[in-house]
């Protein structure tokens, strides 16, 4: 398993493609991911775990959060199997990795110039 928390090449490519919208993309990723972590922790059914893990895996992969995407993929696969052995440990690993990833993406966000709205 890769231990790349944030693939800088992916982040740089997103910055180039998104231009002025990159900060909004980061804001959205962080806000959505915060909600997904809460949903994973509170999930009471395997189907909810699978859905959240799948969604989190996709967004993490798209944003270059390699290890987070891998952990979410493992969680998604494990949640599809009965009994749900080791799920709490996997959710904890996803949560811990997201905390690391979140710090890195907040740092990226702090480096982004914000577009200012000029009022007349």
C-alpha atoms as a PDB file:
ATOM      1  CA  UNK A   1       0.000   0.000   0.000  1.00  0.00           C
ATOM      2  CA  UNK A   2       1.244   3.441  -0.845  1.00  0.00           C
ATOM      3  CA  UNK A   3       1.942   5.866   1.950  1.00  0.00           C
ATOM      4  CA  UNK A   4       1.511   8.905  -0.249  1.00  0.00           C
ATOM      5  CA  UNK A   5      -0.826  11.173   1.653  1.00  0.00           C
ATOM      6  CA  UNK A   6      -1.066  13.761  -1.120  1.00  0.00           C
ATOM      7  CA  UNK A   7       0.198  13.306  -4.667  1.00  0.00           C
ATOM      8  CA  UNK A   8       1.672  16.709  -5.424  1.00  0.00           C
ATOM      9  CA  UNK A   9       1.570  16.067  -9.180  1.00  0.00           C
ATOM     10  CA  UNK A  10      -2.200  15.569  -9.017  1.00  0.00           C
ATOM     11  CA  UNK A  11      -2.613  18.685  -6.870  1.00  0.00           C
ATOM     12  CA  UNK A  12      -0.481  20.723  -9.274  1.00  0.00           C
ATOM     13  CA  UNK A  13      -2.480  19.467 -12.262  1.00  0.00           C
ATOM     14  CA  UNK A  14      -5.750  20.356 -10.518  1.00  0.00           C
ATOM     15  CA  UNK A  15      -4.388  23.817  -9.686  1.00  0.00           C
ATOM     16  CA  UNK A  16      -3.474  24.356 -13.351  1.00  0.00           C
ATOM     17  CA  UNK A  17      -6.814  23.105 -14.671  1.00  0.00           C
ATOM     18  CA  UNK A  18      -8.998  24.828 -12.082  1.00  0.00           C
ATOM     19  CA  UNK A  19      -7.053  28.107 -12.094  1.00  0.00           C
ATOM     20  CA  UNK A  20      -9.040  30.543  -9.946  1.00  0.00           C
ATOM     21  CA  UNK A  21     -11.465  27.818  -8.864  1.00  0.00           C
ATOM     22  CA  UNK A  22      -8.818  25.705  -7.140  1.00  0.00           C
ATOM     23  CA  UNK A  23      -9.495  27.203  -3.694  1.00  0.00           C
ATOM     24  CA  UNK A  24     -13.207  26.435  -4.089  1.00  0.00           C
ATOM     25  CA  UNK A  25     -12.346  22.872  -5.093  1.00  0.00           C
ATOM     26  CA  UNK A  26     -10.229  22.464  -1.952  1.00  0.00           C
ATOM     27  CA  UNK A  27     -12.959  24.007   0.215  1.00  0.00           C
ATOM     28  CA  UNK A  28     -15.510  21.600  -1.235  1.00  0.00           C
ATOM     29  CA  UNK A  29     -13.263  18.563  -0.827  1.00  0.00           C
ATOM     30  CA  UNK A  30     -12.534  19.413   2.808  1.00  0.00           C
ATOM     31  CA  UNK A  31     -16.178  20.150   3.689  1.00  0.00           C
ATOM     32  CA  UNK A  32     -17.482  17.031   1.923  1.00  0.00           C
ATOM     33  CA  UNK A  33     -14.764  14.873   3.469  1.00  0.00           C
ATOM     34  CA  UNK A  34     -15.535  16.194   6.960  1.00  0.00           C
ATOM     35  CA  UNK A  35     -19.141  15.058   6.418  1.00  0.00           C
ATOM     36  CA  UNK A  36     -18.056  11.678   5.057  1.00  0.00           C
ATOM     37  CA  UNK A  37     -15.894  10.964   8.110  1.00  0.00           C
ATOM     38  CA  UNK A  38     -18.840  11.735  10.398  1.00  0.00           C
ATOM     39  CA  UNK A  39     -21.049   9.470   8.251  1.00  0.00           C
ATOM     40  CA  UNK A  40     -18.508   6.617   8.403  1.00  0.00           C
ATOM     41  CA  UNK A  41     -18.217   6.866  12.165  1.00  0.00           C
ATOM     42  CA  UNK A  42     -21.994   6.941  12.596  1.00  0.00           C
ATOM     43  CA  UNK A  43     -22.881   4.295  10.004  1.00  0.00           C
ATOM     44  CA  UNK A  44     -25.115   1.611  11.467  1.00  0.00           C
ATOM     45  CA  UNK A  45     -25.499  -0.563   8.362  1.00  0.00           C
ATOM     46  CA  UNK A  46     -23.064  -2.127   5.936  1.00  0.00           C
ATOM     47  CA  UNK A  47     -24.864  -0.555   2.973  1.00  0.00           C
ATOM     48  CA  UNK A  48     -24.247   2.924   4.401  1.00  0.00           C
ATOM     49  CA  UNK A  49     -20.578   2.102   4.972  1.00  0.00           C
ATOM     50  CA  UNK A  50     -20.203   0.840   1.413  1.00  0.00           C
ATOM     51  CA  UNK A  51     -21.844   3.924  -0.083  1.00  0.00           C
ATOM     52  CA  UNK A  52     -19.856   6.432   1.954  1.00  0.00           C
ATOM     53  CA  UNK A  53     -16.569   4.568   1.537  1.00  0.00           C
ATOM     54  CA  UNK A  54     -17.120   4.339  -2.230  1.00  0.00           C
ATOM     55  CA  UNK A  55     -17.862   8.044  -2.552  1.00  0.00           C
ATOM     56  CA  UNK A  56     -14.936   8.982  -0.288  1.00  0.00           C
ATOM     57  CA  UNK A  57     -12.623   6.692  -2.286  1.00  0.00           C
ATOM     58  CA  UNK A  58     -13.546   8.439  -5.531  1.00  0.00           C
ATOM     59  CA  UNK A  59     -13.162  11.988  -4.302  1.00  0.00           C
ATOM     60  CA  UNK A  60      -9.907  11.167  -2.508  1.00  0.00           C
ATOM     61  CA  UNK A  61      -8.495   9.553  -5.622  1.00  0.00           C
ATOM     62  CA  UNK A  62      -9.522  12.522  -7.775  1.00  0.00           C
ATOM     63  CA  UNK A  63      -7.810  14.897  -5.344  1.00  0.00           C
ATOM     64  CA  UNK A  64      -4.589  12.872  -5.146  1.00  0.00           C
ATOM     65  CA  UNK A  65      -5.100  11.575  -1.602  1.00  0.00           C
ATOM     66  CA  UNK A  66      -3.661   8.196  -2.558  1.00  0.00           C
ATOM     67  CA  UNK A  67      -3.473   6.377   0.771  1.00  0.00           C
ATOM     68  CA  UNK A  68      -6.886   7.682   1.850  1.00  0.00           C
ATOM     69  CA  UNK A  69      -8.408   6.390  -1.395  1.00  0.00           C
ATOM     70  CA  UNK A  70      -6.760   3.000  -0.855  1.00  0.00           C
ATOM     71  CA  UNK A  71      -8.019   2.744   2.725  1.00  0.00           C
ATOM     72  CA  UNK A  72     -11.529   3.710   1.620  1.00  0.00           C
ATOM     73  CA  UNK A  73     -11.371   1.008  -1.055  1.00  0.00           C
ATOM     74  CA  UNK A  74     -10.383  -1.586   1.544  1.00  0.00           C
ATOM     75  CA  UNK A  75     -13.197  -0.401   3.818  1.00  0.00           C
ATOM     76  CA  UNK A  76     -15.693  -0.560   0.950  1.00  0.00           C
ATOM     77  CA  UNK A  77     -14.661  -4.130   0.095  1.00  0.00           C
ATOM     78  CA  UNK A  78     -14.692  -5.270   3.717  1.00  0.00           C
ATOM     79  CA  UNK A  79     -18.114  -3.719   4.358  1.00  0.00           C
ATOM     80  CA  UNK A  80     -19.544  -5.811   1.506  1.00  0.00           C
ATOM     81  CA  UNK A  81     -18.651  -9.012   3.363  1.00  0.00           C
ATOM     82  CA  UNK A  82     -20.309 -10.568   6.333  1.00  0.00           C
ATOM     83  CA  UNK A  83     -19.469 -10.573   9.206  1.00  0.00           C
ATOM     84  CA  UNK A  84     -18.141  -7.052   9.495  1.00  0.00           C
ATOM     85  CA  UNK A  85     -14.882  -8.025  11.153  1.00  0.00           C
ATOM     86  CA  UNK A  86     -12.350  -5.243  11.641  1.00  0.00           C
ATOM     87  CA  UNK A  87     -14.627  -2.469  10.429  1.00  0.00           C
ATOM     88  CA  UNK A  88     -14.080  -0.236  13.459  1.00  0.00           C
ATOM     89  CA  UNK A  89     -10.316  -0.495  13.011  1.00  0.00           C
ATOM     90  CA  UNK A  90     -10.597   0.394   9.318  1.00  0.00           C
ATOM     91  CA  UNK A  91     -12.855   3.359  10.042  1.00  0.00           C
ATOM     92  CA  UNK A  92     -10.254   4.518  12.582  1.00  0.00           C
ATOM     93  CA  UNK A  93      -7.501   4.189   9.970  1.00  0.00           C
ATOM     94  CA  UNK A  94      -9.537   6.142   7.421  1.00  0.00           C
ATOM     95  CA  UNK A  95     -10.247   8.826  10.033  1.00  0.00           C
ATOM     96  CA  UNK A  96      -6.570   9.098  11.047  1.00  0.00           C
ATOM     97  CA  UNK A  97      -5.438   9.283   7.425  1.00  0.00           C
ATOM     98  CA  UNK A  98      -8.049  11.925   6.665  1.00  0.00           C
ATOM     99  CA  UNK A  99      -6.744  14.056   9.546  1.00  0.00           C
ATOM    100  CA  UNK A 100      -3.294  13.977   7.916  1.00  0.00           C
ATOM    101  CA  UNK A 101      -4.696  14.652   4.453  1.00  0.00           C
ATOM    102  CA  UNK A 102      -6.882  17.463   5.754  1.00  0.00           C
ATOM    103  CA  UNK A 103      -3.866  19.261   7.224  1.00  0.00           C
ATOM    104  CA  UNK A 104      -2.039  19.009   3.889  1.00  0.00           C
ATOM    105  CA  UNK A 105      -4.990  20.311   1.883  1.00  0.00           C
ATOM    106  CA  UNK A 106      -5.593  23.155   4.332  1.00  0.00           C
ATOM    107  CA  UNK A 107      -1.947  24.129   3.796  1.00  0.00           C
ATOM    108  CA  UNK A 108      -2.571  24.080   0.041  1.00  0.00           C
ATOM    109  CA  UNK A 109      -5.658  26.210   0.569  1.00  0.00           C
ATOM    110  CA  UNK A 110      -3.674  28.753   2.577  1.00  0.00           C
ATOM    111  CA  UNK A 111      -1.282  29.141  -0.381  1.00  0.00           C
ATOM    112  CA  UNK A 112      -4.139  29.858  -2.787  1.00  0.00           C
ATOM    113  CA  UNK A 113      -4.810  33.419  -3.752  1.00  0.00           C
ATOM    114  CA  UNK A 114      -8.467  34.177  -3.133  1.00  0.00           C
ATOM    115  CA  UNK A 115     -10.418  36.004  -5.769  1.00  0.00           C
ATOM    116  CA  UNK A 116     -11.747  39.230  -4.403  1.00  0.00           C
ATOM    117  CA  UNK A 117     -15.186  40.466  -5.232  1.00  0.00           C
ATOM    118  CA  UNK A 118     -15.097  44.140  -6.064  1.00  0.00           C
ATOM    119  CA  UNK A 119     -18.246  46.041  -5.253  1.00  0.00           C
ATOM    120  CA  UNK A 120     -19.026  49.350  -6.858  1.00  0.00           C
END
